[in-house]
Amino acid sequence: MILNSVVPIFAVIALGGVLKRLRMIDERFIGVSDRLIYYIFFPALLFWKIGKPAPVSGIYWGLICAVLSAVAVVFVASLLLVKLLRMPNFAVGSFTQSCYRFSTYIGMAVVLGATGEEGVKQFGVLIGFAIPFINILAVSSLIWFSGESCSWGRQAWILIRSTLSNPLIIACGSGIAYSSLRVPFPAFVDNTLGLMSLLALPLALVSIGGSLNFAAFRGYATYSGIAGLVKLVLLPLVGYAFLEMFQVSESAFKVAMIYFALPTSPANYILSGQLNSDVELATAAIVLSTLLSVGSLSATILLFCA
């Protein structure tokens, strides 16, 4: 199961790094690729997978409550660590979001390989709720510890804009709404979305591999290492407890544990730059958690999906 579900994903990510070193792809290609994935191909995949009528329908409230509760606890824990480590304010926003944000693209690829179509649908609905919640936590901490003076009105506008304009949230919400109609996609729509979806994950994984910057890790080993341990060890442990508390069903349980074991999001770098936090720390945390997630995802697949 590990060989079939995890190895191919990180092989394609490694391919992205190799292609970058061979100069077959460059920053311009990665930038265009990221925009196409974020605004077109991945939203198409989410809408297509979630919108299909399925035997199991509706919103998975136990799964959602367990995951959001675990993320909230780890968010608070990350703030306590900031105080214990006496971390400078400039680094706080980048550090805390690295403790609980997740890589959507790697998550979808692992869930698809390990749990199949129903797991993909559950994961899609889950991230439709998780992304807005995580945006609230991330933007709030970044602004609170930012060195810039920012009015509450501007803070609220940044948060609302980043949430409502997120193509992944729009795609998930639209997919849930269409699925509730219990109407299959017309054949030409189904085929079109299917073809678009085929591009989403391979292109996203190559882009992730090409974006990893190992040079940025120098000087940030301590903070990025702690963030990686919180994200890939503490969050799964806390998440497991909440899944048991909410009595989440077996299939949703697997999806949630994969979610908890994912590396942090590449979007950390972008948001840190926009809101005056430490982009070098964000980059180091992304690189390290991506490498360490090979172990966390393998262990999760072995324990819960074998």
C-alpha atoms as a PDB file:
ATOM      1  CA  MET A   1       0.000   0.000   0.000  1.00  0.00           C
ATOM      2  CA  ILE A   2       2.815   2.428   0.887  1.00  0.00           C
ATOM      3  CA  LEU A   3       4.646   1.570  -2.330  1.00  0.00           C
ATOM      4  CA  ASN A   4       1.519   2.152  -4.393  1.00  0.00           C
ATOM      5  CA  SER A   5       0.161   5.239  -2.609  1.00  0.00           C
ATOM      6  CA  VAL A   6       3.092   7.291  -1.329  1.00  0.00           C
ATOM      7  CA  VAL A   7       6.135   6.483  -3.458  1.00  0.00           C
ATOM      8  CA  PRO A   8       4.619   7.567  -6.815  1.00  0.00           C
ATOM      9  CA  ILE A   9       3.629  10.947  -5.364  1.00  0.00           C
ATOM     10  CA  PHE A  10       7.074  11.793  -4.044  1.00  0.00           C
ATOM     11  CA  ALA A  11       8.668  10.356  -7.194  1.00  0.00           C
ATOM     12  CA  VAL A  12       6.763  12.932  -9.252  1.00  0.00           C
ATOM     13  CA  ILE A  13       7.719  15.673  -6.759  1.00  0.00           C
ATOM     14  CA  ALA A  14      11.369  14.595  -7.112  1.00  0.00           C
ATOM     15  CA  LEU A  15      10.935  14.681 -10.890  1.00  0.00           C
ATOM     16  CA  GLY A  16       9.937  18.332 -10.584  1.00  0.00           C
ATOM     17  CA  GLY A  17      13.184  19.046  -8.716  1.00  0.00           C
ATOM     18  CA  VAL A  18      15.236  17.184 -11.320  1.00  0.00           C
ATOM     19  CA  LEU A  19      13.551  19.023 -14.190  1.00  0.00           C
ATOM     20  CA  LYS A  20      14.313  22.329 -12.473  1.00  0.00           C
ATOM     21  CA  ARG A  21      17.992  21.447 -12.051  1.00  0.00           C
ATOM     22  CA  LEU A  22      18.176  20.353 -15.709  1.00  0.00           C
ATOM     23  CA  ARG A  23      16.563  23.690 -16.625  1.00  0.00           C
ATOM     24  CA  MET A  24      13.734  21.961 -18.466  1.00  0.00           C
ATOM     25  CA  ILE A  25      11.398  24.032 -16.276  1.00  0.00           C
ATOM     26  CA  ASP A  26      12.051  27.405 -14.663  1.00  0.00           C
ATOM     27  CA  GLU A  27      10.425  29.925 -12.321  1.00  0.00           C
ATOM     28  CA  ARG A  28       8.281  31.304 -15.123  1.00  0.00           C
ATOM     29  CA  PHE A  29       6.919  27.849 -15.964  1.00  0.00           C
ATOM     30  CA  ILE A  30       6.228  27.133 -12.287  1.00  0.00           C
ATOM     31  CA  GLY A  31       4.413  30.452 -11.878  1.00  0.00           C
ATOM     32  CA  VAL A  32       2.157  29.824 -14.881  1.00  0.00           C
ATOM     33  CA  SER A  33       1.616  26.214 -13.789  1.00  0.00           C
ATOM     34  CA  ASP A  34       0.648  27.267 -10.271  1.00  0.00           C
ATOM     35  CA  ARG A  35      -1.949  29.714 -11.588  1.00  0.00           C
ATOM     36  CA  LEU A  36      -3.452  27.150 -13.958  1.00  0.00           C
ATOM     37  CA  ILE A  37      -3.657  24.556 -11.184  1.00  0.00           C
ATOM     38  CA  TYR A  38      -5.056  26.943  -8.580  1.00  0.00           C
ATOM     39  CA  TYR A  39      -7.628  28.705 -10.734  1.00  0.00           C
ATOM     40  CA  ILE A  40      -8.650  26.059 -13.283  1.00  0.00           C
ATOM     41  CA  PHE A  41      -7.517  22.447 -13.081  1.00  0.00           C
ATOM     42  CA  PHE A  42      -7.724  21.708  -9.342  1.00  0.00           C
ATOM     43  CA  PRO A  43     -11.092  23.476  -8.892  1.00  0.00           C
ATOM     44  CA  ALA A  44     -12.351  21.427 -11.852  1.00  0.00           C
ATOM     45  CA  LEU A  45     -11.160  18.226 -10.136  1.00  0.00           C
ATOM     46  CA  LEU A  46     -12.840  19.163  -6.846  1.00  0.00           C
ATOM     47  CA  PHE A  47     -16.127  20.136  -8.465  1.00  0.00           C
ATOM     48  CA  TRP A  48     -16.123  16.953 -10.557  1.00  0.00           C
ATOM     49  CA  LYS A  49     -15.379  14.603  -7.661  1.00  0.00           C
ATOM     50  CA  ILE A  50     -17.670  16.262  -5.102  1.00  0.00           C
ATOM     51  CA  GLY A  51     -20.511  16.996  -7.520  1.00  0.00           C
ATOM     52  CA  LYS A  52     -21.047  13.400  -8.591  1.00  0.00           C
ATOM     53  CA  PRO A  53     -24.092  11.737  -6.989  1.00  0.00           C
ATOM     54  CA  ALA A  54     -22.863   9.026  -4.636  1.00  0.00           C
ATOM     55  CA  PRO A  55     -24.412   6.435  -2.285  1.00  0.00           C
ATOM     56  CA  VAL A  56     -22.994   8.371   0.673  1.00  0.00           C
ATOM     57  CA  SER A  57     -24.163  11.986   0.452  1.00  0.00           C
ATOM     58  CA  GLY A  58     -24.366  15.031   2.634  1.00  0.00           C
ATOM     59  CA  ILE A  59     -21.779  16.750   4.794  1.00  0.00           C
ATOM     60  CA  TYR A  60     -19.536  14.684   7.056  1.00  0.00           C
ATOM     61  CA  TRP A  61     -20.039  16.682  10.247  1.00  0.00           C
ATOM     62  CA  GLY A  62     -18.160  14.335  12.583  1.00  0.00           C
ATOM     63  CA  LEU A  63     -15.116  14.404  10.313  1.00  0.00           C
ATOM     64  CA  ILE A  64     -15.245  18.189   9.963  1.00  0.00           C
ATOM     65  CA  CYS A  65     -15.702  18.875  13.686  1.00  0.00           C
ATOM     66  CA  ALA A  66     -12.867  16.517  14.632  1.00  0.00           C
ATOM     67  CA  VAL A  67     -10.430  18.033  12.140  1.00  0.00           C
ATOM     68  CA  LEU A  68     -11.250  21.664  12.935  1.00  0.00           C
ATOM     69  CA  SER A  69     -11.038  20.962  16.676  1.00  0.00           C
ATOM     70  CA  ALA A  70      -7.602  19.397  16.269  1.00  0.00           C
ATOM     71  CA  VAL A  71      -6.379  22.309  14.149  1.00  0.00           C
ATOM     72  CA  ALA A  72      -7.641  24.800  16.772  1.00  0.00           C
ATOM     73  CA  VAL A  73      -5.804  22.981  19.581  1.00  0.00           C
ATOM     74  CA  VAL A  74      -2.558  22.878  17.602  1.00  0.00           C
ATOM     75  CA  PHE A  75      -2.954  26.559  16.717  1.00  0.00           C
ATOM     76  CA  VAL A  76      -3.097  27.395  20.433  1.00  0.00           C
ATOM     77  CA  ALA A  77      -0.156  25.068  21.105  1.00  0.00           C
ATOM     78  CA  SER A  78       1.896  26.850  18.423  1.00  0.00           C
ATOM     79  CA  LEU A  79       1.241  30.201  20.116  1.00  0.00           C
ATOM     80  CA  LEU A  80       2.377  28.766  23.458  1.00  0.00           C
ATOM     81  CA  LEU A  81       5.571  27.519  21.811  1.00  0.00           C
ATOM     82  CA  VAL A  82       6.154  31.007  20.452  1.00  0.00           C
ATOM     83  CA  LYS A  83       6.152  32.323  24.022  1.00  0.00           C
ATOM     84  CA  LEU A  84       8.338  29.506  25.351  1.00  0.00           C
ATOM     85  CA  LEU A  85      10.889  29.947  22.563  1.00  0.00           C
ATOM     86  CA  ARG A  86      10.773  33.752  22.862  1.00  0.00           C
ATOM     87  CA  MET A  87      10.410  33.915  19.133  1.00  0.00           C
ATOM     88  CA  PRO A  88      10.686  37.352  17.478  1.00  0.00           C
ATOM     89  CA  ASN A  89       7.366  38.731  16.224  1.00  0.00           C
ATOM     90  CA  PHE A  90       8.659  38.756  12.656  1.00  0.00           C
ATOM     91  CA  ALA A  91       8.867  34.940  12.692  1.00  0.00           C
ATOM     92  CA  VAL A  92       5.652  34.130  14.585  1.00  0.00           C
ATOM     93  CA  GLY A  93       3.153  34.190  11.719  1.00  0.00           C
ATOM     94  CA  SER A  94       5.321  32.015   9.479  1.00  0.00           C
ATOM     95  CA  PHE A  95       6.027  29.567  12.307  1.00  0.00           C
ATOM     96  CA  THR A  96       2.455  29.128  13.536  1.00  0.00           C
ATOM     97  CA  GLN A  97       0.862  28.561  10.142  1.00  0.00           C
ATOM     98  CA  SER A  98       3.541  25.966   9.358  1.00  0.00           C
ATOM     99  CA  CYS A  99       2.216  23.968  12.322  1.00  0.00           C
ATOM    100  CA  TYR A 100      -1.307  23.385  10.978  1.00  0.00           C
ATOM    101  CA  ARG A 101      -1.693  24.361   7.303  1.00  0.00           C
ATOM    102  CA  PHE A 102      -1.693  21.485   4.809  1.00  0.00           C
ATOM    103  CA  SER A 103      -0.722  20.742   1.212  1.00  0.00           C
ATOM    104  CA  THR A 104      -4.017  20.310  -0.639  1.00  0.00           C
ATOM    105  CA  TYR A 105      -2.458  18.830  -3.766  1.00  0.00           C
ATOM    106  CA  ILE A 106      -0.386  16.162  -2.024  1.00  0.00           C
ATOM    107  CA  GLY A 107      -3.402  15.380   0.149  1.00  0.00           C
ATOM    108  CA  MET A 108      -5.698  14.777  -2.790  1.00  0.00           C
ATOM    109  CA  ALA A 109      -3.100  12.585  -4.500  1.00  0.00           C
ATOM    110  CA  VAL A 110      -2.547  10.413  -1.397  1.00  0.00           C
ATOM    111  CA  VAL A 111      -6.266  10.140  -0.599  1.00  0.00           C
ATOM    112  CA  LEU A 112      -7.040   9.116  -4.181  1.00  0.00           C
ATOM    113  CA  GLY A 113      -4.403   6.396  -4.124  1.00  0.00           C
ATOM    114  CA  ALA A 114      -5.177   5.107  -0.624  1.00  0.00           C
ATOM    115  CA  THR A 115      -8.960   5.380  -0.251  1.00  0.00           C
ATOM    116  CA  GLY A 116     -10.520   5.721  -3.714  1.00  0.00           C
ATOM    117  CA  GLU A 117     -13.437   7.793  -4.960  1.00  0.00           C
ATOM    118  CA  GLU A 118     -15.433   8.009  -1.729  1.00  0.00           C
ATOM    119  CA  GLY A 119     -12.360   9.179   0.146  1.00  0.00           C
ATOM    120  CA  VAL A 120     -11.746  11.874  -2.465  1.00  0.00           C
ATOM    121  CA  LYS A 121     -15.305  13.127  -2.019  1.00  0.00           C
ATOM    122  CA  GLN A 122     -14.890  13.229   1.771  1.00  0.00           C
ATOM    123  CA  PHE A 123     -11.545  15.002   1.463  1.00  0.00           C
ATOM    124  CA  GLY A 124     -13.024  17.556  -0.924  1.00  0.00           C
ATOM    125  CA  VAL A 125     -15.883  18.389   1.435  1.00  0.00           C
ATOM    126  CA  LEU A 126     -13.463  18.536   4.370  1.00  0.00           C
ATOM    127  CA  ILE A 127     -11.117  21.040   2.760  1.00  0.00           C
ATOM    128  CA  GLY A 128     -14.107  23.193   1.798  1.00  0.00           C
ATOM    129  CA  PHE A 129     -14.572  23.808   5.532  1.00  0.00           C
ATOM    130  CA  ALA A 130     -10.913  23.571   6.604  1.00  0.00           C
ATOM    131  CA  ILE A 131      -9.513  26.188   4.215  1.00  0.00           C
ATOM    132  CA  PRO A 132     -11.689  29.112   5.449  1.00  0.00           C
ATOM    133  CA  PHE A 133     -11.065  28.172   9.096  1.00  0.00           C
ATOM    134  CA  ILE A 134      -7.320  27.901   8.554  1.00  0.00           C
ATOM    135  CA  ASN A 135      -7.279  31.193   6.645  1.00  0.00           C
ATOM    136  CA  ILE A 136      -8.864  32.896   9.645  1.00  0.00           C
ATOM    137  CA  LEU A 137      -6.216  31.497  12.007  1.00  0.00           C
ATOM    138  CA  ALA A 138      -3.301  32.205   9.683  1.00  0.00           C
ATOM    139  CA  VAL A 139      -4.278  35.739   8.699  1.00  0.00           C
ATOM    140  CA  SER A 140      -5.144  36.636  12.297  1.00  0.00           C
ATOM    141  CA  SER A 141      -1.776  35.509  13.677  1.00  0.00           C
ATOM    142  CA  LEU A 142       0.173  37.042  10.805  1.00  0.00           C
ATOM    143  CA  ILE A 143      -1.512  40.415  11.249  1.00  0.00           C
ATOM    144  CA  TRP A 144      -1.396  40.340  15.057  1.00  0.00           C
ATOM    145  CA  PHE A 145       2.361  39.778  15.164  1.00  0.00           C
ATOM    146  CA  SER A 146       3.164  41.852  12.093  1.00  0.00           C
ATOM    147  CA  GLY A 147       5.383  44.869  12.489  1.00  0.00           C
ATOM    148  CA  GLU A 148       3.036  46.892  10.280  1.00  0.00           C
ATOM    149  CA  SER A 149       0.212  49.058  11.526  1.00  0.00           C
ATOM    150  CA  CYS A 150      -2.981  47.694  10.037  1.00  0.00           C
ATOM    151  CA  SER A 151      -6.527  48.823  10.755  1.00  0.00           C
ATOM    152  CA  TRP A 152      -9.152  46.286  11.780  1.00  0.00           C
ATOM    153  CA  GLY A 153     -11.103  47.206   8.666  1.00  0.00           C
ATOM    154  CA  ARG A 154      -8.175  46.283   6.431  1.00  0.00           C
ATOM    155  CA  GLN A 155      -7.587  43.092   8.413  1.00  0.00           C
ATOM    156  CA  ALA A 156     -11.209  42.058   7.960  1.00  0.00           C
ATOM    157  CA  TRP A 157     -11.087  42.890   4.263  1.00  0.00           C
ATOM    158  CA  ILE A 158      -7.926  40.794   3.716  1.00  0.00           C
ATOM    159  CA  LEU A 159      -9.558  37.854   5.481  1.00  0.00           C
ATOM    160  CA  ILE A 160     -12.900  38.108   3.657  1.00  0.00           C
ATOM    161  CA  ARG A 161     -11.265  38.611   0.276  1.00  0.00           C
ATOM    162  CA  SER A 162      -8.849  35.690   0.684  1.00  0.00           C
ATOM    163  CA  THR A 163     -11.699  33.394   1.729  1.00  0.00           C
ATOM    164  CA  LEU A 164     -14.467  34.331  -0.698  1.00  0.00           C
ATOM    165  CA  SER A 165     -12.154  34.558  -3.703  1.00  0.00           C
ATOM    166  CA  ASN A 166     -10.493  31.188  -3.050  1.00  0.00           C
ATOM    167  CA  PRO A 167     -11.208  28.995  -6.119  1.00  0.00           C
ATOM    168  CA  LEU A 168     -10.938  25.800  -4.069  1.00  0.00           C
ATOM    169  CA  ILE A 169     -13.633  26.953  -1.633  1.00  0.00           C
ATOM    170  CA  ILE A 170     -15.851  28.021  -4.534  1.00  0.00           C
ATOM    171  CA  ALA A 171     -15.350  24.654  -6.249  1.00  0.00           C
ATOM    172  CA  CYS A 172     -16.099  22.687  -3.061  1.00  0.00           C
ATOM    173  CA  GLY A 173     -19.231  24.707  -2.312  1.00  0.00           C
ATOM    174  CA  SER A 174     -20.456  24.390  -5.891  1.00  0.00           C
ATOM    175  CA  GLY A 175     -19.765  20.657  -5.860  1.00  0.00           C
ATOM    176  CA  ILE A 176     -21.732  20.148  -2.638  1.00  0.00           C
ATOM    177  CA  ALA A 177     -24.638  22.172  -4.053  1.00  0.00           C
ATOM    178  CA  TYR A 178     -24.691  20.243  -7.341  1.00  0.00           C
ATOM    179  CA  SER A 179     -24.353  16.889  -5.591  1.00  0.00           C
ATOM    180  CA  SER A 180     -27.447  17.682  -3.506  1.00  0.00           C
ATOM    181  CA  LEU A 181     -29.470  17.827  -6.729  1.00  0.00           C
ATOM    182  CA  ARG A 182     -28.721  14.114  -7.304  1.00  0.00           C
ATOM    183  CA  VAL A 183     -28.386  14.768 -11.045  1.00  0.00           C
ATOM    184  CA  PRO A 184     -25.511  13.098 -12.950  1.00  0.00           C
ATOM    185  CA  PHE A 185     -23.280  15.302 -15.073  1.00  0.00           C
ATOM    186  CA  PRO A 186     -24.145  15.267 -18.795  1.00  0.00           C
ATOM    187  CA  ALA A 187     -21.690  13.021 -20.618  1.00  0.00           C
ATOM    188  CA  PHE A 188     -19.836  15.845 -22.384  1.00  0.00           C
ATOM    189  CA  VAL A 189     -19.475  17.794 -19.103  1.00  0.00           C
ATOM    190  CA  ASP A 190     -18.307  14.680 -17.264  1.00  0.00           C
ATOM    191  CA  ASN A 191     -15.709  13.930 -19.955  1.00  0.00           C
ATOM    192  CA  THR A 192     -14.491  17.533 -20.094  1.00  0.00           C
ATOM    193  CA  LEU A 193     -14.053  17.790 -16.316  1.00  0.00           C
ATOM    194  CA  GLY A 194     -12.411  14.376 -16.296  1.00  0.00           C
ATOM    195  CA  LEU A 195      -9.813  15.447 -18.870  1.00  0.00           C
ATOM    196  CA  MET A 196      -9.117  18.681 -16.997  1.00  0.00           C
ATOM    197  CA  SER A 197      -8.759  16.755 -13.749  1.00  0.00           C
ATOM    198  CA  LEU A 198      -6.131  14.457 -15.255  1.00  0.00           C
ATOM    199  CA  LEU A 199      -3.781  17.440 -15.502  1.00  0.00           C
ATOM    200  CA  ALA A 200      -4.289  18.745 -11.974  1.00  0.00           C
ATOM    201  CA  LEU A 201      -2.341  16.399  -9.704  1.00  0.00           C
ATOM    202  CA  PRO A 202       0.721  15.547 -11.876  1.00  0.00           C
ATOM    203  CA  LEU A 203       1.211  19.216 -12.785  1.00  0.00           C
ATOM    204  CA  ALA A 204       0.796  20.261  -9.140  1.00  0.00           C
ATOM    205  CA  LEU A 205       3.337  17.705  -7.895  1.00  0.00           C
ATOM    206  CA  VAL A 206       5.917  18.680 -10.529  1.00  0.00           C
ATOM    207  CA  SER A 207       5.390  22.316  -9.565  1.00  0.00           C
ATOM    208  CA  ILE A 208       5.906  21.531  -5.861  1.00  0.00           C
ATOM    209  CA  GLY A 209       9.142  19.712  -6.628  1.00  0.00           C
ATOM    210  CA  GLY A 210      10.415  22.554  -8.790  1.00  0.00           C
ATOM    211  CA  SER A 211       9.567  25.102  -6.086  1.00  0.00           C
ATOM    212  CA  LEU A 212      11.484  23.472  -3.219  1.00  0.00           C
ATOM    213  CA  ASN A 213      14.445  25.640  -2.258  1.00  0.00           C
ATOM    214  CA  PHE A 214      16.887  23.703  -0.094  1.00  0.00           C
ATOM    215  CA  ALA A 215      19.267  26.646   0.274  1.00  0.00           C
ATOM    216  CA  ALA A 216      16.640  28.497   2.329  1.00  0.00           C
ATOM    217  CA  PHE A 217      16.879  25.842   5.053  1.00  0.00           C
ATOM    218  CA  ARG A 218      20.205  27.194   6.319  1.00  0.00           C
ATOM    219  CA  GLY A 219      19.857  29.116   9.555  1.00  0.00           C
ATOM    220  CA  TYR A 220      16.259  28.033  10.191  1.00  0.00           C
ATOM    221  CA  ALA A 221      16.765  24.411  11.258  1.00  0.00           C
ATOM    222  CA  THR A 222      15.511  24.876  14.818  1.00  0.00           C
ATOM    223  CA  TYR A 223      12.253  26.723  14.160  1.00  0.00           C
ATOM    224  CA  SER A 224      11.403  24.769  11.007  1.00  0.00           C
ATOM    225  CA  GLY A 225      12.242  21.490  12.780  1.00  0.00           C
ATOM    226  CA  ILE A 226       9.934  22.292  15.687  1.00  0.00           C
ATOM    227  CA  ALA A 227       7.186  23.343  13.289  1.00  0.00           C
ATOM    228  CA  GLY A 228       7.642  20.072  11.407  1.00  0.00           C
ATOM    229  CA  LEU A 229       7.325  18.017  14.604  1.00  0.00           C
ATOM    230  CA  VAL A 230       4.181  19.892  15.625  1.00  0.00           C
ATOM    231  CA  LYS A 231       2.638  19.462  12.165  1.00  0.00           C
ATOM    232  CA  LEU A 232       3.571  15.818  11.577  1.00  0.00           C
ATOM    233  CA  VAL A 233       3.591  14.370  15.122  1.00  0.00           C
ATOM    234  CA  LEU A 234       1.494  16.495  17.471  1.00  0.00           C
ATOM    235  CA  LEU A 235      -1.323  17.243  15.027  1.00  0.00           C
ATOM    236  CA  PRO A 236      -1.875  13.554  14.119  1.00  0.00           C
ATOM    237  CA  LEU A 237      -1.901  12.593  17.815  1.00  0.00           C
ATOM    238  CA  VAL A 238      -4.374  15.333  18.747  1.00  0.00           C
ATOM    239  CA  GLY A 239      -6.405  14.579  15.631  1.00  0.00           C
ATOM    240  CA  TYR A 240      -6.619  10.884  16.472  1.00  0.00           C
ATOM    241  CA  ALA A 241      -8.045  11.738  19.899  1.00  0.00           C
ATOM    242  CA  PHE A 242     -10.717  13.985  18.387  1.00  0.00           C
ATOM    243  CA  LEU A 243     -11.639  11.401  15.735  1.00  0.00           C
ATOM    244  CA  GLU A 244     -12.248   8.889  18.513  1.00  0.00           C
ATOM    245  CA  MET A 245     -14.209  11.468  20.506  1.00  0.00           C
ATOM    246  CA  PHE A 246     -16.504  12.264  17.567  1.00  0.00           C
ATOM    247  CA  GLN A 247     -16.772   8.563  16.613  1.00  0.00           C
ATOM    248  CA  VAL A 248     -15.827   9.204  12.990  1.00  0.00           C
ATOM    249  CA  SER A 249     -16.589   6.312  10.629  1.00  0.00           C
ATOM    250  CA  GLU A 250     -13.806   4.090   9.300  1.00  0.00           C
ATOM    251  CA  SER A 251     -13.556   5.557   5.768  1.00  0.00           C
ATOM    252  CA  ALA A 252     -13.642   9.169   7.005  1.00  0.00           C
ATOM    253  CA  PHE A 253     -11.172   8.214   9.764  1.00  0.00           C
ATOM    254  CA  LYS A 254      -8.624   7.192   7.125  1.00  0.00           C
ATOM    255  CA  VAL A 255      -9.105  10.426   5.196  1.00  0.00           C
ATOM    256  CA  ALA A 256      -8.655  12.504   8.348  1.00  0.00           C
ATOM    257  CA  MET A 257      -5.463  10.723   9.419  1.00  0.00           C
ATOM    258  CA  ILE A 258      -3.994  11.288   5.952  1.00  0.00           C
ATOM    259  CA  TYR A 259      -4.983  14.949   6.284  1.00  0.00           C
ATOM    260  CA  PHE A 260      -3.166  15.235   9.625  1.00  0.00           C
ATOM    261  CA  ALA A 261      -0.007  13.620   8.196  1.00  0.00           C
ATOM    262  CA  LEU A 262       0.322  16.035   5.243  1.00  0.00           C
ATOM    263  CA  PRO A 263       3.207  18.501   4.927  1.00  0.00           C
ATOM    264  CA  THR A 264       2.557  22.180   5.417  1.00  0.00           C
ATOM    265  CA  SER A 265       1.187  24.275   2.569  1.00  0.00           C
ATOM    266  CA  PRO A 266       3.377  26.015  -0.045  1.00  0.00           C
ATOM    267  CA  ALA A 267       0.936  28.919   0.329  1.00  0.00           C
ATOM    268  CA  ASN A 268       2.695  29.764   3.624  1.00  0.00           C
ATOM    269  CA  TYR A 269       5.418  31.499   1.625  1.00  0.00           C
ATOM    270  CA  ILE A 270       2.969  33.707  -0.263  1.00  0.00           C
ATOM    271  CA  LEU A 271       0.912  34.719   2.764  1.00  0.00           C
ATOM    272  CA  SER A 272       4.016  35.417   4.867  1.00  0.00           C
ATOM    273  CA  GLY A 273       5.309  37.735   2.173  1.00  0.00           C
ATOM    274  CA  GLN A 274       2.000  39.564   1.854  1.00  0.00           C
ATOM    275  CA  LEU A 275       1.662  40.158   5.609  1.00  0.00           C
ATOM    276  CA  ASN A 276       5.217  41.046   6.622  1.00  0.00           C
ATOM    277  CA  SER A 277       6.409  37.804   8.191  1.00  0.00           C
ATOM    278  CA  ASP A 278       9.572  35.726   7.731  1.00  0.00           C
ATOM    279  CA  VAL A 279       9.417  34.220   4.233  1.00  0.00           C
ATOM    280  CA  GLU A 280      12.752  32.423   4.682  1.00  0.00           C
ATOM    281  CA  LEU A 281      11.405  30.569   7.713  1.00  0.00           C
ATOM    282  CA  ALA A 282       8.226  29.746   5.806  1.00  0.00           C
ATOM    283  CA  THR A 283      10.306  28.344   2.929  1.00  0.00           C
ATOM    284  CA  ALA A 284      12.481  26.262   5.259  1.00  0.00           C
ATOM    285  CA  ALA A 285       9.406  24.847   7.005  1.00  0.00           C
ATOM    286  CA  ILE A 286       7.839  23.910   3.659  1.00  0.00           C
ATOM    287  CA  VAL A 287      10.974  22.086   2.510  1.00  0.00           C
ATOM    288  CA  LEU A 288      11.514  20.211   5.776  1.00  0.00           C
ATOM    289  CA  SER A 289       7.887  19.176   6.308  1.00  0.00           C
ATOM    290  CA  THR A 290       7.679  17.957   2.706  1.00  0.00           C
ATOM    291  CA  LEU A 291      10.708  15.731   3.277  1.00  0.00           C
ATOM    292  CA  LEU A 292       9.511  14.492   6.681  1.00  0.00           C
ATOM    293  CA  SER A 293       6.007  13.803   5.383  1.00  0.00           C
ATOM    294  CA  VAL A 294       7.357  10.813   3.470  1.00  0.00           C
ATOM    295  CA  GLY A 295       7.627   9.157   6.891  1.00  0.00           C
ATOM    296  CA  SER A 296       4.399  10.499   8.394  1.00  0.00           C
ATOM    297  CA  LEU A 297       2.304   9.551   5.358  1.00  0.00           C
ATOM    298  CA  SER A 298       3.936   6.111   5.095  1.00  0.00           C
ATOM    299  CA  ALA A 299       3.222   5.437   8.782  1.00  0.00           C
ATOM    300  CA  THR A 300      -0.380   6.615   8.384  1.00  0.00           C
ATOM    301  CA  ILE A 301      -0.979   4.397   5.352  1.00  0.00           C
ATOM    302  CA  LEU A 302       0.585   1.429   7.145  1.00  0.00           C
ATOM    303  CA  LEU A 303      -1.419   1.898  10.367  1.00  0.00           C
ATOM    304  CA  PHE A 304      -4.813   2.973   9.031  1.00  0.00           C
ATOM    305  CA  CYS A 305      -5.128   2.092   5.346  1.00  0.00           C
ATOM    306  CA  ALA A 306      -3.319  -1.228   4.959  1.00  0.00           C
END
